[in-house]
PDB file of N, CA and C in Angstrom:
ATOM      1  N   MET A   1       0.791  -1.216   0.004  1.00  0.00           N
ATOM      2  CA  MET A   1      -0.016   0.027  -0.006  1.00  0.00           C
ATOM      3  C   MET A   1       0.923   1.222  -0.016  1.00  0.00           C
ATOM      4  N   GLU A   2       2.015   1.256   0.765  1.00  0.00           N
ATOM      5  CA  GLU A   2       2.840   2.459   0.812  1.00  0.00           C
ATOM      6  C   GLU A   2       3.465   2.659  -0.545  1.00  0.00           C
ATOM      7  N   LYS A   3       3.713   1.730  -1.317  1.00  0.00           N
ATOM      8  CA  LYS A   3       4.394   1.816  -2.686  1.00  0.00           C
ATOM      9  C   LYS A   3       3.325   2.339  -3.584  1.00  0.00           C
ATOM     10  N   PHE A   4       2.034   1.964  -3.394  1.00  0.00           N
ATOM     11  CA  PHE A   4       0.846   2.629  -4.134  1.00  0.00           C
ATOM     12  C   PHE A   4       0.786   4.055  -3.846  1.00  0.00           C
ATOM     13  N   ILE A   5       0.917   4.548  -2.642  1.00  0.00           N
ATOM     14  CA  ILE A   5       0.777   6.018  -2.353  1.00  0.00           C
ATOM     15  C   ILE A   5       1.997   6.633  -2.912  1.00  0.00           C
ATOM     16  N   GLU A   6       3.208   6.013  -2.720  1.00  0.00           N
ATOM     17  CA  GLU A   6       4.374   6.742  -3.414  1.00  0.00           C
ATOM     18  C   GLU A   6       4.179   6.881  -4.844  1.00  0.00           C
ATOM     19  N   GLU A   7       3.704   5.974  -5.532  1.00  0.00           N
ATOM     20  CA  GLU A   7       3.537   5.929  -6.928  1.00  0.00           C
ATOM     21  C   GLU A   7       2.422   7.002  -7.221  1.00  0.00           C
ATOM     22  N   PHE A   8       1.388   7.030  -6.462  1.00  0.00           N
ATOM     23  CA  PHE A   8       0.310   8.062  -6.586  1.00  0.00           C
ATOM     24  C   PHE A   8       0.815   9.429  -6.544  1.00  0.00           C
ATOM     25  N   HIS A   9       1.789   9.718  -5.549  1.00  0.00           N
ATOM     26  CA  HIS A   9       2.347  11.006  -5.407  1.00  0.00           C
ATOM     27  C   HIS A   9       3.155  11.307  -6.597  1.00  0.00           C
ATOM     28  N   ARG A  10       3.956  10.455  -7.050  1.00  0.00           N
ATOM     29  CA  ARG A  10       4.810  10.543  -8.247  1.00  0.00           C
ATOM     30  C   ARG A  10       4.190  11.003  -9.418  1.00  0.00           C
ATOM     31  N   ARG A  11       3.010  10.253  -9.841  1.00  0.00           N
ATOM     32  CA  ARG A  11       2.468  10.391 -11.144  1.00  0.00           C
ATOM     33  C   ARG A  11       1.481  11.539 -11.097  1.00  0.00           C
ATOM     34  N   LEU A  12       0.761  11.745  -9.990  1.00  0.00           N
ATOM     35  CA  LEU A  12      -0.196  12.751  -9.971  1.00  0.00           C
ATOM     36  C   LEU A  12       0.181  13.948  -9.179  1.00  0.00           C
ATOM     37  N   ASP A  13      -0.382  15.148  -9.451  1.00  0.00           N
ATOM     38  CA  ASP A  13      -0.014  16.279  -8.687  1.00  0.00           C
ATOM     39  C   ASP A  13      -0.650  16.108  -7.335  1.00  0.00           C
ATOM     40  N   HIS A  14       0.150  16.176  -6.250  1.00  0.00           N
ATOM     41  CA  HIS A  14      -0.373  15.907  -4.875  1.00  0.00           C
ATOM     42  C   HIS A  14      -1.407  16.983  -4.623  1.00  0.00           C
ATOM     43  N   ARG A  15      -1.279  18.233  -4.993  1.00  0.00           N
ATOM     44  CA  ARG A  15      -2.215  19.336  -4.489  1.00  0.00           C
ATOM     45  C   ARG A  15      -3.623  19.051  -5.029  1.00  0.00           C
ATOM     46  N   ASP A  16      -3.686  18.475  -6.222  1.00  0.00           N
ATOM     47  CA  ASP A  16      -5.056  18.307  -6.775  1.00  0.00           C
ATOM     48  C   ASP A  16      -5.759  17.197  -6.120  1.00  0.00           C
ATOM     49  N   TYR A  17      -5.123  16.240  -5.482  1.00  0.00           N
ATOM     50  CA  TYR A  17      -5.814  15.007  -4.793  1.00  0.00           C
ATOM     51  C   TYR A  17      -5.413  15.014  -3.312  1.00  0.00           C
ATOM     52  N   LYS A  18      -5.330  16.146  -2.680  1.00  0.00           N
ATOM     53  CA  LYS A  18      -4.956  16.219  -1.215  1.00  0.00           C
ATOM     54  C   LYS A  18      -5.935  15.344  -0.413  1.00  0.00           C
ATOM     55  N   ASP A  19      -7.196  15.421  -0.578  1.00  0.00           N
ATOM     56  CA  ASP A  19      -8.120  14.702   0.193  1.00  0.00           C
ATOM     57  C   ASP A  19      -8.037  13.101   0.012  1.00  0.00           C
ATOM     58  N   MET A  20      -7.739  12.745  -1.249  1.00  0.00           N
ATOM     59  CA  MET A  20      -7.618  11.387  -1.635  1.00  0.00           C
ATOM     60  C   MET A  20      -6.322  10.836  -1.012  1.00  0.00           C
ATOM     61  N   CYS A  21      -5.363  11.606  -0.890  1.00  0.00           N
ATOM     62  CA  CYS A  21      -4.004  11.228  -0.289  1.00  0.00           C
ATOM     63  C   CYS A  21      -4.306  11.051   1.339  1.00  0.00           C
ATOM     64  N   VAL A  22      -4.898  11.975   2.010  1.00  0.00           N
ATOM     65  CA  VAL A  22      -5.202  11.816   3.373  1.00  0.00           C
ATOM     66  C   VAL A  22      -6.034  10.491   3.651  1.00  0.00           C
ATOM     67  N   LEU A  23      -7.005  10.322   2.867  1.00  0.00           N
ATOM     68  CA  LEU A  23      -7.835   9.055   2.988  1.00  0.00           C
ATOM     69  C   LEU A  23      -7.002   7.798   2.758  1.00  0.00           C
ATOM     70  N   MET A  24      -6.046   7.763   1.913  1.00  0.00           N
ATOM     71  CA  MET A  24      -5.284   6.651   1.676  1.00  0.00           C
ATOM     72  C   MET A  24      -4.304   6.483   2.868  1.00  0.00           C
ATOM     73  N   GLN A  25      -3.807   7.483   3.459  1.00  0.00           N
ATOM     74  CA  GLN A  25      -2.926   7.472   4.562  1.00  0.00           C
ATOM     75  C   GLN A  25      -3.678   6.975   5.764  1.00  0.00           C
ATOM     76  N   ILE A  26      -4.913   7.348   5.865  1.00  0.00           N
ATOM     77  CA  ILE A  26      -5.681   6.744   7.089  1.00  0.00           C
ATOM     78  C   ILE A  26      -6.043   5.329   6.784  1.00  0.00           C
ATOM     79  N   ALA A  27      -6.272   4.953   5.578  1.00  0.00           N
ATOM     80  CA  ALA A  27      -6.583   3.592   5.197  1.00  0.00           C
ATOM     81  C   ALA A  27      -5.514   2.537   5.632  1.00  0.00           C
ATOM     82  N   ILE A  28      -4.168   2.972   5.251  1.00  0.00           N
ATOM     83  CA  ILE A  28      -3.133   2.178   5.496  1.00  0.00           C
ATOM     84  C   ILE A  28      -2.792   2.032   7.049  1.00  0.00           C
ATOM     85  N   THR A  29      -3.269   2.925   7.940  1.00  0.00           N
ATOM     86  CA  THR A  29      -3.017   2.762   9.369  1.00  0.00           C
ATOM     87  C   THR A  29      -4.084   2.085  10.043  1.00  0.00           C
ATOM     88  N   LEU A  30      -5.292   1.748   9.432  1.00  0.00           N
ATOM     89  CA  LEU A  30      -6.324   1.026  10.107  1.00  0.00           C
ATOM     90  C   LEU A  30      -5.992  -0.437  10.231  1.00  0.00           C
ATOM     91  N   LEU A  31      -6.465  -1.039  11.360  1.00  0.00           N
ATOM     92  CA  LEU A  31      -6.161  -2.459  11.478  1.00  0.00           C
ATOM     93  C   LEU A  31      -7.223  -3.154  10.477  1.00  0.00           C
ATOM     94  N   ILE A  32      -6.621  -4.261   9.975  1.00  0.00           N
ATOM     95  CA  ILE A  32      -7.373  -4.953   9.091  1.00  0.00           C
ATOM     96  C   ILE A  32      -8.190  -6.081   9.836  1.00  0.00           C
ATOM     97  N   HIS A  33      -7.531  -6.602  10.800  1.00  0.00           N
ATOM     98  CA  HIS A  33      -8.172  -7.578  11.710  1.00  0.00           C
ATOM     99  C   HIS A  33      -8.239  -7.001  13.183  1.00  0.00           C
ATOM    100  N   THR A  34      -9.150  -7.643  13.996  1.00  0.00           N
ATOM    101  CA  THR A  34      -9.241  -7.238  15.384  1.00  0.00           C
ATOM    102  C   THR A  34      -8.513  -8.247  16.289  1.00  0.00           C
ATOM    103  N   THR A  35      -7.871  -9.195  15.604  1.00  0.00           N
ATOM    104  CA  THR A  35      -7.282 -10.319  16.418  1.00  0.00           C
ATOM    105  C   THR A  35      -6.162  -9.704  17.418  1.00  0.00           C
ATOM    106  N   THR A  36      -5.380  -8.696  16.922  1.00  0.00           N
ATOM    107  CA  THR A  36      -4.411  -8.232  17.830  1.00  0.00           C
ATOM    108  C   THR A  36      -5.092  -7.463  19.172  1.00  0.00           C
ATOM    109  N   ASN A  37      -6.097  -6.815  18.923  1.00  0.00           N
ATOM    110  CA  ASN A  37      -6.776  -6.109  19.999  1.00  0.00           C
ATOM    111  C   ASN A  37      -7.434  -7.242  20.894  1.00  0.00           C
ATOM    112  N   GLU A  38      -7.965  -8.277  20.343  1.00  0.00           N
ATOM    113  CA  GLU A  38      -8.621  -9.346  21.209  1.00  0.00           C
ATOM    114  C   GLU A  38      -7.582 -10.066  21.959  1.00  0.00           C
ATOM    115  N   ARG A  39      -6.411 -10.352  21.305  1.00  0.00           N
ATOM    116  CA  ARG A  39      -5.387 -10.985  22.125  1.00  0.00           C
ATOM    117  C   ARG A  39      -4.741 -10.180  23.247  1.00  0.00           C
ATOM    118  N   SER A  40      -4.663  -8.909  22.972  1.00  0.00           N
ATOM    119  CA  SER A  40      -4.250  -7.987  24.011  1.00  0.00           C
ATOM    120  C   SER A  40      -5.235  -7.953  25.238  1.00  0.00           C
ATOM    121  N   PHE A  41      -6.468  -7.846  24.933  1.00  0.00           N
ATOM    122  CA  PHE A  41      -7.439  -7.657  25.916  1.00  0.00           C
ATOM    123  C   PHE A  41      -7.583  -8.976  26.692  1.00  0.00           C
ATOM    124  N   SER A  42      -7.452 -10.181  26.007  1.00  0.00           N
ATOM    125  CA  SER A  42      -7.463 -11.485  26.587  1.00  0.00           C
ATOM    126  C   SER A  42      -6.256 -11.687  27.601  1.00  0.00           C
ATOM    127  N   LEU A  43      -5.026 -11.270  27.190  1.00  0.00           N
ATOM    128  CA  LEU A  43      -3.923 -11.258  27.939  1.00  0.00           C
ATOM    129  C   LEU A  43      -4.022 -10.426  29.140  1.00  0.00           C
ATOM    130  N   LEU A  44      -4.544  -9.127  28.889  1.00  0.00           N
ATOM    131  CA  LEU A  44      -4.867  -8.270  30.019  1.00  0.00           C
ATOM    132  C   LEU A  44      -5.797  -8.875  31.089  1.00  0.00           C
ATOM    133  N   HIS A  45      -6.702  -9.519  30.647  1.00  0.00           N
ATOM    134  CA  HIS A  45      -7.796 -10.222  31.518  1.00  0.00           C
ATOM    135  C   HIS A  45      -7.104 -11.326  32.383  1.00  0.00           C
ATOM    136  N   ASN A  46      -6.228 -12.122  31.728  1.00  0.00           N
ATOM    137  CA  ASN A  46      -5.435 -13.054  32.408  1.00  0.00           C
ATOM    138  C   ASN A  46      -4.413 -12.454  33.382  1.00  0.00           C
ATOM    139  N   ILE A  47      -3.796 -11.405  33.190  1.00  0.00           N
ATOM    140  CA  ILE A  47      -2.895 -10.742  34.053  1.00  0.00           C
ATOM    141  C   ILE A  47      -3.551 -10.101  35.222  1.00  0.00           C
ATOM    142  N   MET A  48      -4.623  -9.350  34.877  1.00  0.00           N
ATOM    143  CA  MET A  48      -5.390  -8.513  35.872  1.00  0.00           C
ATOM    144  C   MET A  48      -6.409  -9.501  36.489  1.00  0.00           C
ATOM    145  N   ASN A  49      -6.062 -10.001  37.700  1.00  0.00           N
ATOM    146  CA  ASN A  49      -7.065 -10.855  38.474  1.00  0.00           C
ATOM    147  C   ASN A  49      -7.398 -10.163  39.781  1.00  0.00           C
ATOM    148  N   ASN A  50      -8.070 -10.853  40.607  1.00  0.00           N
ATOM    149  CA  ASN A  50      -8.367 -10.252  41.911  1.00  0.00           C
ATOM    150  C   ASN A  50      -7.151  -9.831  42.784  1.00  0.00           C
ATOM    151  N   LEU A  51      -6.110 -10.584  42.604  1.00  0.00           N
ATOM    152  CA  LEU A  51      -4.836 -10.253  43.377  1.00  0.00           C
ATOM    153  C   LEU A  51      -4.123  -9.113  42.782  1.00  0.00           C
ATOM    154  N   ARG A  52      -4.397  -8.884  41.530  1.00  0.00           N
ATOM    155  CA  ARG A  52      -3.522  -7.835  40.874  1.00  0.00           C
ATOM    156  C   ARG A  52      -4.389  -6.651  40.314  1.00  0.00           C
ATOM    157  N   ASN A  53      -5.475  -6.423  41.030  1.00  0.00           N
ATOM    158  CA  ASN A  53      -6.499  -5.381  40.486  1.00  0.00           C
ATOM    159  C   ASN A  53      -6.061  -3.947  40.659  1.00  0.00           C
ATOM    160  N   ARG A  54      -4.899  -3.684  41.438  1.00  0.00           N
ATOM    161  CA  ARG A  54      -4.450  -2.381  41.380  1.00  0.00           C
ATOM    162  C   ARG A  54      -3.018  -2.227  40.911  1.00  0.00           C
ATOM    163  N   THR A  55      -2.690  -3.075  39.860  1.00  0.00           N
ATOM    164  CA  THR A  55      -1.376  -2.872  39.341  1.00  0.00           C
ATOM    165  C   THR A  55      -1.206  -1.697  38.632  1.00  0.00           C
ATOM    166  N   SER A  56      -0.037  -1.084  38.801  1.00  0.00           N
ATOM    167  CA  SER A  56       0.262   0.151  38.097  1.00  0.00           C
ATOM    168  C   SER A  56       0.472  -0.008  36.494  1.00  0.00           C
ATOM    169  N   VAL A  57       0.225   1.131  35.845  1.00  0.00           N
ATOM    170  CA  VAL A  57       0.354   0.943  34.360  1.00  0.00           C
ATOM    171  C   VAL A  57       1.730   0.525  33.952  1.00  0.00           C
ATOM    172  N   PRO A  58       2.823   1.065  34.483  1.00  0.00           N
ATOM    173  CA  PRO A  58       4.224   0.604  34.051  1.00  0.00           C
ATOM    174  C   PRO A  58       4.544  -0.935  34.328  1.00  0.00           C
ATOM    175  N   LEU A  59       4.007  -1.356  35.471  1.00  0.00           N
ATOM    176  CA  LEU A  59       4.216  -2.845  35.831  1.00  0.00           C
ATOM    177  C   LEU A  59       3.306  -3.737  34.947  1.00  0.00           C
ATOM    178  N   LEU A  60       2.066  -3.254  34.754  1.00  0.00           N
ATOM    179  CA  LEU A  60       1.244  -3.985  33.902  1.00  0.00           C
ATOM    180  C   LEU A  60       1.715  -4.019  32.421  1.00  0.00           C
ATOM    181  N   ASP A  61       2.274  -2.958  31.930  1.00  0.00           N
ATOM    182  CA  ASP A  61       2.968  -2.974  30.594  1.00  0.00           C
ATOM    183  C   ASP A  61       4.119  -3.965  30.559  1.00  0.00           C
ATOM    184  N   ALA A  62       4.891  -3.955  31.622  1.00  0.00           N
ATOM    185  CA  ALA A  62       6.013  -4.902  31.568  1.00  0.00           C
ATOM    186  C   ALA A  62       5.494  -6.295  31.620  1.00  0.00           C
ATOM    187  N   LEU A  63       4.519  -6.664  32.427  1.00  0.00           N
ATOM    188  CA  LEU A  63       3.943  -7.982  32.543  1.00  0.00           C
ATOM    189  C   LEU A  63       3.351  -8.424  31.198  1.00  0.00           C
ATOM    190  N   MET A  64       2.741  -7.491  30.544  1.00  0.00           N
ATOM    191  CA  MET A  64       2.073  -7.810  29.242  1.00  0.00           C
ATOM    192  C   MET A  64       3.225  -8.101  28.175  1.00  0.00           C
ATOM    193  N   ARG A  65       4.164  -7.277  28.210  1.00  0.00           N
ATOM    194  CA  ARG A  65       5.273  -7.608  27.251  1.00  0.00           C
ATOM    195  C   ARG A  65       6.020  -8.896  27.454  1.00  0.00           C
ATOM    196  N   ILE A  66       6.247  -9.176  28.860  1.00  0.00           N
ATOM    197  CA  ILE A  66       6.831 -10.460  29.120  1.00  0.00           C
ATOM    198  C   ILE A  66       5.983 -11.644  28.522  1.00  0.00           C
ATOM    199  N   ALA A  67       4.703 -11.389  28.746  1.00  0.00           N
ATOM    200  CA  ALA A  67       3.759 -12.541  28.399  1.00  0.00           C
ATOM    201  C   ALA A  67       3.625 -12.710  26.867  1.00  0.00           C
ATOM    202  N   MET A  68       3.717 -11.467  26.159  1.00  0.00           N
ATOM    203  CA  MET A  68       3.545 -11.496  24.705  1.00  0.00           C
ATOM    204  C   MET A  68       4.797 -11.996  24.047  1.00  0.00           C
ATOM    205  N   TYR A  69       5.903 -11.663  24.570  1.00  0.00           N
ATOM    206  CA  TYR A  69       7.163 -12.085  23.872  1.00  0.00           C
ATOM    207  C   TYR A  69       8.205 -12.864  24.811  1.00  0.00           C
ATOM    208  N   PRO A  70       7.718 -14.035  25.161  1.00  0.00           N
ATOM    209  CA  PRO A  70       8.542 -14.786  26.105  1.00  0.00           C
ATOM    210  C   PRO A  70       9.757 -15.195  25.535  1.00  0.00           C
ATOM    211  N   VAL A  71      10.878 -15.198  26.524  1.00  0.00           N
ATOM    212  CA  VAL A  71      12.274 -15.568  26.099  1.00  0.00           C
ATOM    213  C   VAL A  71      12.461 -16.787  26.810  1.00  0.00           C
ATOM    214  N   PRO A  72      12.811 -18.009  26.133  1.00  0.00           N
ATOM    215  CA  PRO A  72      13.096 -19.268  26.719  1.00  0.00           C
ATOM    216  C   PRO A  72      14.290 -19.032  27.523  1.00  0.00           C
ATOM    217  N   LEU A  73      14.355 -19.655  28.787  1.00  0.00           N
ATOM    218  CA  LEU A  73      15.322 -19.668  29.652  1.00  0.00           C
ATOM    219  C   LEU A  73      16.193 -20.951  29.394  1.00  0.00           C
ATOM    220  N   THR A  74      17.393 -20.746  29.323  1.00  0.00           N
ATOM    221  CA  THR A  74      18.319 -21.995  29.419  1.00  0.00           C
ATOM    222  C   THR A  74      18.633 -22.348  30.817  1.00  0.00           C
ATOM    223  N   HIS A  75      19.315 -23.571  31.123  1.00  0.00           N
ATOM    224  CA  HIS A  75      19.495 -23.945  32.482  1.00  0.00           C
ATOM    225  C   HIS A  75      20.588 -22.957  33.001  1.00  0.00           C
ATOM    226  N   GLU A  76      21.642 -22.504  32.245  1.00  0.00           N
ATOM    227  CA  GLU A  76      22.536 -21.511  32.744  1.00  0.00           C
ATOM    228  C   GLU A  76      21.801 -20.323  33.143  1.00  0.00           C
ATOM    229  N   ASP A  77      20.955 -19.826  32.369  1.00  0.00           N
ATOM    230  CA  ASP A  77      20.251 -18.553  32.775  1.00  0.00           C
ATOM    231  C   ASP A  77      19.447 -18.690  33.970  1.00  0.00           C
ATOM    232  N   PHE A  78      18.787 -19.836  34.260  1.00  0.00           N
ATOM    233  CA  PHE A  78      18.024 -20.043  35.354  1.00  0.00           C
ATOM    234  C   PHE A  78      18.892 -20.258  36.590  1.00  0.00           C
ATOM    235  N   ALA A  79      20.038 -20.794  36.439  1.00  0.00           N
ATOM    236  CA  ALA A  79      20.916 -20.955  37.605  1.00  0.00           C
ATOM    237  C   ALA A  79      21.424 -19.508  37.996  1.00  0.00           C
ATOM    238  N   GLU A  80      21.750 -18.616  36.972  1.00  0.00           N
ATOM    239  CA  GLU A  80      22.176 -17.334  37.412  1.00  0.00           C
ATOM    240  C   GLU A  80      21.091 -16.485  37.953  1.00  0.00           C
ATOM    241  N   PHE A  81      19.803 -16.790  37.479  1.00  0.00           N
ATOM    242  CA  PHE A  81      18.807 -16.020  38.082  1.00  0.00           C
ATOM    243  C   PHE A  81      18.484 -16.488  39.611  1.00  0.00           C
ATOM    244  N   VAL A  82      18.576 -17.788  39.850  1.00  0.00           N
ATOM    245  CA  VAL A  82      18.418 -18.235  41.199  1.00  0.00           C
ATOM    246  C   VAL A  82      19.583 -17.732  42.148  1.00  0.00           C
ATOM    247  N   LYS A  83      20.757 -17.706  41.732  1.00  0.00           N
ATOM    248  CA  LYS A  83      21.913 -17.133  42.387  1.00  0.00           C
ATOM    249  C   LYS A  83      21.740 -15.688  42.674  1.00  0.00           C
ATOM    250  N   LEU A  84      21.317 -14.973  41.803  1.00  0.00           N
ATOM    251  CA  LEU A  84      21.053 -13.476  41.867  1.00  0.00           C
ATOM    252  C   LEU A  84      19.925 -13.243  42.974  1.00  0.00           C
ATOM    253  N   TRP A  85      18.910 -14.145  42.721  1.00  0.00           N
ATOM    254  CA  TRP A  85      17.734 -13.929  43.758  1.00  0.00           C
ATOM    255  C   TRP A  85      18.111 -14.297  45.226  1.00  0.00           C
ATOM    256  N   TYR A  86      19.028 -15.279  45.343  1.00  0.00           N
ATOM    257  CA  TYR A  86      19.347 -15.808  46.688  1.00  0.00           C
ATOM    258  C   TYR A  86      20.344 -14.822  47.268  1.00  0.00           C
ATOM    259  N   THR A  87      21.168 -14.108  46.584  1.00  0.00           N
ATOM    260  CA  THR A  87      22.230 -13.297  47.149  1.00  0.00           C
ATOM    261  C   THR A  87      21.646 -11.753  47.262  1.00  0.00           C
ATOM    262  N   LYS A  88      20.536 -11.449  46.771  1.00  0.00           N
ATOM    263  CA  LYS A  88      20.083 -10.215  46.812  1.00  0.00           C
ATOM    264  C   LYS A  88      19.715  -9.689  48.256  1.00  0.00           C
ATOM    265  N   LYS A  89      19.191 -10.581  49.063  1.00  0.00           N
ATOM    266  CA  LYS A  89      18.913 -10.335  50.398  1.00  0.00           C
ATOM    267  C   LYS A  89      18.965 -11.741  51.253  1.00  0.00           C
ATOM    268  N   THR A  90      18.753 -11.564  52.518  1.00  0.00           N
ATOM    269  CA  THR A  90      18.840 -12.739  53.383  1.00  0.00           C
ATOM    270  C   THR A  90      17.582 -13.537  53.180  1.00  0.00           C
ATOM    271  N   ARG A  91      17.655 -14.738  52.992  1.00  0.00           N
ATOM    272  CA  ARG A  91      16.594 -15.687  52.646  1.00  0.00           C
ATOM    273  C   ARG A  91      16.491 -16.702  53.686  1.00  0.00           C
ATOM    274  N   ARG A  92      15.136 -17.186  54.039  1.00  0.00           N
ATOM    275  CA  ARG A  92      15.076 -18.223  55.077  1.00  0.00           C
ATOM    276  C   ARG A  92      15.315 -19.555  54.430  1.00  0.00           C
ATOM    277  N   VAL A  93      15.349 -19.724  53.065  1.00  0.00           N
ATOM    278  CA  VAL A  93      15.715 -20.914  52.321  1.00  0.00           C
ATOM    279  C   VAL A  93      17.173 -21.082  52.395  1.00  0.00           C
ATOM    280  N   LYS A  94      17.741 -22.137  52.602  1.00  0.00           N
ATOM    281  CA  LYS A  94      19.268 -22.415  52.686  1.00  0.00           C
ATOM    282  C   LYS A  94      19.559 -23.205  51.389  1.00  0.00           C
ATOM    283  N   MET A  95      20.453 -22.571  50.639  1.00  0.00           N
ATOM    284  CA  MET A  95      20.843 -23.181  49.401  1.00  0.00           C
ATOM    285  C   MET A  95      22.367 -23.333  49.327  1.00  0.00           C
ATOM    286  N   SER A  96      22.957 -24.266  48.592  1.00  0.00           N
ATOM    287  CA  SER A  96      24.335 -24.333  48.351  1.00  0.00           C
ATOM    288  C   SER A  96      24.609 -23.794  46.986  1.00  0.00           C
ATOM    289  N   LEU A  97      25.444 -22.891  46.829  1.00  0.00           N
ATOM    290  CA  LEU A  97      25.661 -22.162  45.552  1.00  0.00           C
ATOM    291  C   LEU A  97      26.967 -22.667  44.984  1.00  0.00           C
TER     292      LEU A  97
END
């Protein structure tokens, strides 16, 4: 669609078809499907439960991004995460590192 608009600008005088150009620019920004919105609201519903009903917007944004784009953890990554968690403060759980 962008190539079409570029070609339209190149071949025709832009000033004569200003409204048509604006209409085409609006058309290419509209969502074709609502699946993205539906997935986002479904994910929001899963994250926002009774225990998290007062979650701040930045935290909610971070939780949604993590849920939308999960990064698989390797065994080494998980071991580093556990070590960092354990050494961050005094824990009641005793572990050998």
